[in-house]
């Protein structure tokens, strides 16, 4: 299901926890819509895939992000966006599972503040 186009009627009640694992699109494209479905103090666990958070010219051939600096830039970009959207960042960690091509990915733990 593509949350960007999901009608609110499909999920009429606010959600306590949303998990996000998207490919070929930046989290910055889906986070704002996900927040609309989240209750106050609801939480999000999002998988950050650096290859989809950087510009095309920053991504190495084959889509693998080899440098820590680029991976950190991608992660920080999502964190900055989440903060701008009013979310609280409760935690971040390197995912224990690498992406299909060996990419290092991250888990980001967010919360929508109480009203």
C-alpha atoms as a PDB file:
ATOM      1  CA  UNK A   1       0.000   0.000   0.000  1.00  0.00           C
ATOM      2  CA  UNK A   2       1.304   3.435  -0.908  1.00  0.00           C
ATOM      3  CA  UNK A   3       0.473   5.633   2.064  1.00  0.00           C
ATOM      4  CA  UNK A   4       0.887   8.774  -0.025  1.00  0.00           C
ATOM      5  CA  UNK A   5      -2.362   7.929  -1.814  1.00  0.00           C
ATOM      6  CA  UNK A   6      -4.241   6.053   0.910  1.00  0.00           C
ATOM      7  CA  UNK A   7      -7.644   7.445   1.776  1.00  0.00           C
ATOM      8  CA  UNK A   8      -8.239   8.221   5.433  1.00  0.00           C
ATOM      9  CA  UNK A   9     -11.502   6.256   5.317  1.00  0.00           C
ATOM     10  CA  UNK A  10      -9.476   3.035   5.021  1.00  0.00           C
ATOM     11  CA  UNK A  11      -8.008   3.689   8.476  1.00  0.00           C
ATOM     12  CA  UNK A  12     -10.512   5.910  10.297  1.00  0.00           C
ATOM     13  CA  UNK A  13      -8.865   5.712  13.737  1.00  0.00           C
ATOM     14  CA  UNK A  14      -5.472   7.123  14.624  1.00  0.00           C
ATOM     15  CA  UNK A  15      -2.654   4.574  14.750  1.00  0.00           C
ATOM     16  CA  UNK A  16      -0.395   3.841  17.744  1.00  0.00           C
ATOM     17  CA  UNK A  17       2.628   2.542  15.808  1.00  0.00           C
ATOM     18  CA  UNK A  18       3.628   2.790  12.167  1.00  0.00           C
ATOM     19  CA  UNK A  19       6.538   0.890  10.641  1.00  0.00           C
ATOM     20  CA  UNK A  20       7.981   2.159   7.377  1.00  0.00           C
ATOM     21  CA  UNK A  21      10.177   0.262   4.909  1.00  0.00           C
ATOM     22  CA  UNK A  22      10.114   1.938   1.518  1.00  0.00           C
ATOM     23  CA  UNK A  23      12.292   1.494  -1.556  1.00  0.00           C
ATOM     24  CA  UNK A  24      13.011   3.724  -4.529  1.00  0.00           C
ATOM     25  CA  UNK A  25      11.585   6.720  -2.644  1.00  0.00           C
ATOM     26  CA  UNK A  26      12.826   8.977   0.129  1.00  0.00           C
ATOM     27  CA  UNK A  27      11.293   8.758   3.586  1.00  0.00           C
ATOM     28  CA  UNK A  28      10.770  12.510   3.296  1.00  0.00           C
ATOM     29  CA  UNK A  29       8.052  11.768   0.735  1.00  0.00           C
ATOM     30  CA  UNK A  30       6.060   9.474   3.043  1.00  0.00           C
ATOM     31  CA  UNK A  31       6.668  10.736   6.587  1.00  0.00           C
ATOM     32  CA  UNK A  32       4.281  13.719   6.378  1.00  0.00           C
ATOM     33  CA  UNK A  33       1.423  11.495   5.259  1.00  0.00           C
ATOM     34  CA  UNK A  34       2.233   8.825   7.851  1.00  0.00           C
ATOM     35  CA  UNK A  35       2.061  11.452  10.598  1.00  0.00           C
ATOM     36  CA  UNK A  36      -1.507  12.266   9.522  1.00  0.00           C
ATOM     37  CA  UNK A  37      -2.520   8.710  10.507  1.00  0.00           C
ATOM     38  CA  UNK A  38      -0.626   8.735  13.810  1.00  0.00           C
ATOM     39  CA  UNK A  39      -2.236   9.495  17.172  1.00  0.00           C
ATOM     40  CA  UNK A  40      -0.608  12.036  19.490  1.00  0.00           C
ATOM     41  CA  UNK A  41       2.298  10.261  21.194  1.00  0.00           C
ATOM     42  CA  UNK A  42       2.139   7.612  18.472  1.00  0.00           C
ATOM     43  CA  UNK A  43       5.420   6.157  17.286  1.00  0.00           C
ATOM     44  CA  UNK A  44       7.150   5.433  14.006  1.00  0.00           C
ATOM     45  CA  UNK A  45       9.946   2.967  13.354  1.00  0.00           C
ATOM     46  CA  UNK A  46      11.404   3.752   9.942  1.00  0.00           C
ATOM     47  CA  UNK A  47      14.101   1.974   7.971  1.00  0.00           C
ATOM     48  CA  UNK A  48      16.465   4.560   6.488  1.00  0.00           C
ATOM     49  CA  UNK A  49      18.029   3.380   3.233  1.00  0.00           C
ATOM     50  CA  UNK A  50      20.788   5.874   2.408  1.00  0.00           C
ATOM     51  CA  UNK A  51      20.792   5.114  -1.314  1.00  0.00           C
ATOM     52  CA  UNK A  52      17.258   6.561  -1.547  1.00  0.00           C
ATOM     53  CA  UNK A  53      17.981   9.613   0.627  1.00  0.00           C
ATOM     54  CA  UNK A  54      20.905  10.990  -1.380  1.00  0.00           C
ATOM     55  CA  UNK A  55      20.934  12.668  -4.765  1.00  0.00           C
ATOM     56  CA  UNK A  56      21.585  10.412  -7.762  1.00  0.00           C
ATOM     57  CA  UNK A  57      25.050  11.879  -8.263  1.00  0.00           C
ATOM     58  CA  UNK A  58      25.998  10.997  -4.666  1.00  0.00           C
ATOM     59  CA  UNK A  59      25.099   7.319  -5.074  1.00  0.00           C
ATOM     60  CA  UNK A  60      27.896   5.067  -6.298  1.00  0.00           C
ATOM     61  CA  UNK A  61      27.429   2.783  -9.274  1.00  0.00           C
ATOM     62  CA  UNK A  62      25.330  -0.210  -8.254  1.00  0.00           C
ATOM     63  CA  UNK A  63      23.557   1.766  -5.542  1.00  0.00           C
ATOM     64  CA  UNK A  64      25.846   0.813  -2.669  1.00  0.00           C
ATOM     65  CA  UNK A  65      26.828   3.676  -0.359  1.00  0.00           C
ATOM     66  CA  UNK A  66      30.374   2.844   0.670  1.00  0.00           C
ATOM     67  CA  UNK A  67      31.413   5.844   2.732  1.00  0.00           C
ATOM     68  CA  UNK A  68      30.336   6.490   6.298  1.00  0.00           C
ATOM     69  CA  UNK A  69      30.165  10.225   5.556  1.00  0.00           C
ATOM     70  CA  UNK A  70      27.528   9.721   2.862  1.00  0.00           C
ATOM     71  CA  UNK A  71      25.536   7.300   5.010  1.00  0.00           C
ATOM     72  CA  UNK A  72      25.607   9.759   7.913  1.00  0.00           C
ATOM     73  CA  UNK A  73      24.530  12.594   5.592  1.00  0.00           C
ATOM     74  CA  UNK A  74      21.551  10.516   4.451  1.00  0.00           C
ATOM     75  CA  UNK A  75      20.542   9.596   8.004  1.00  0.00           C
ATOM     76  CA  UNK A  76      20.939  13.160   9.272  1.00  0.00           C
ATOM     77  CA  UNK A  77      18.851  14.435   6.361  1.00  0.00           C
ATOM     78  CA  UNK A  78      15.939  12.228   7.413  1.00  0.00           C
ATOM     79  CA  UNK A  79      16.385  13.213  11.067  1.00  0.00           C
ATOM     80  CA  UNK A  80      16.397  16.918  10.181  1.00  0.00           C
ATOM     81  CA  UNK A  81      13.270  16.451   8.075  1.00  0.00           C
ATOM     82  CA  UNK A  82      11.483  14.558  10.863  1.00  0.00           C
ATOM     83  CA  UNK A  83      12.307  17.317  13.345  1.00  0.00           C
ATOM     84  CA  UNK A  84      11.050  19.941  10.896  1.00  0.00           C
ATOM     85  CA  UNK A  85       7.798  17.971  10.644  1.00  0.00           C
ATOM     86  CA  UNK A  86       7.417  18.230  14.415  1.00  0.00           C
ATOM     87  CA  UNK A  87       8.439  14.682  15.284  1.00  0.00           C
ATOM     88  CA  UNK A  88      10.635  13.766  18.231  1.00  0.00           C
ATOM     89  CA  UNK A  89      13.644  11.551  17.563  1.00  0.00           C
ATOM     90  CA  UNK A  90      13.739   8.922  20.306  1.00  0.00           C
ATOM     91  CA  UNK A  91      16.531   6.804  18.901  1.00  0.00           C
ATOM     92  CA  UNK A  92      18.576   5.640  15.959  1.00  0.00           C
ATOM     93  CA  UNK A  93      20.692   2.589  15.320  1.00  0.00           C
ATOM     94  CA  UNK A  94      22.417   0.712  12.556  1.00  0.00           C
ATOM     95  CA  UNK A  95      20.123  -2.014  11.285  1.00  0.00           C
ATOM     96  CA  UNK A  96      21.410  -5.482  12.186  1.00  0.00           C
ATOM     97  CA  UNK A  97      20.399  -6.582   8.680  1.00  0.00           C
ATOM     98  CA  UNK A  98      22.109  -5.120   5.617  1.00  0.00           C
ATOM     99  CA  UNK A  99      20.209  -4.249   2.465  1.00  0.00           C
ATOM    100  CA  UNK A 100      20.015  -6.662  -0.466  1.00  0.00           C
ATOM    101  CA  UNK A 101      23.196  -5.295  -2.075  1.00  0.00           C
ATOM    102  CA  UNK A 102      25.027  -5.010   1.231  1.00  0.00           C
ATOM    103  CA  UNK A 103      24.038  -1.427   2.016  1.00  0.00           C
ATOM    104  CA  UNK A 104      24.273  -0.338   5.632  1.00  0.00           C
ATOM    105  CA  UNK A 105      20.803   0.827   6.699  1.00  0.00           C
ATOM    106  CA  UNK A 106      19.456   2.448   9.854  1.00  0.00           C
ATOM    107  CA  UNK A 107      16.418   2.209  12.095  1.00  0.00           C
ATOM    108  CA  UNK A 108      14.955   5.500  13.245  1.00  0.00           C
ATOM    109  CA  UNK A 109      12.556   5.700  16.200  1.00  0.00           C
ATOM    110  CA  UNK A 110      10.233   8.719  16.112  1.00  0.00           C
ATOM    111  CA  UNK A 111       7.273   9.986  18.106  1.00  0.00           C
ATOM    112  CA  UNK A 112       4.517  12.459  17.384  1.00  0.00           C
ATOM    113  CA  UNK A 113       4.312  14.795  20.388  1.00  0.00           C
ATOM    114  CA  UNK A 114       1.183  15.111  22.483  1.00  0.00           C
ATOM    115  CA  UNK A 115      -1.073  17.909  21.315  1.00  0.00           C
END
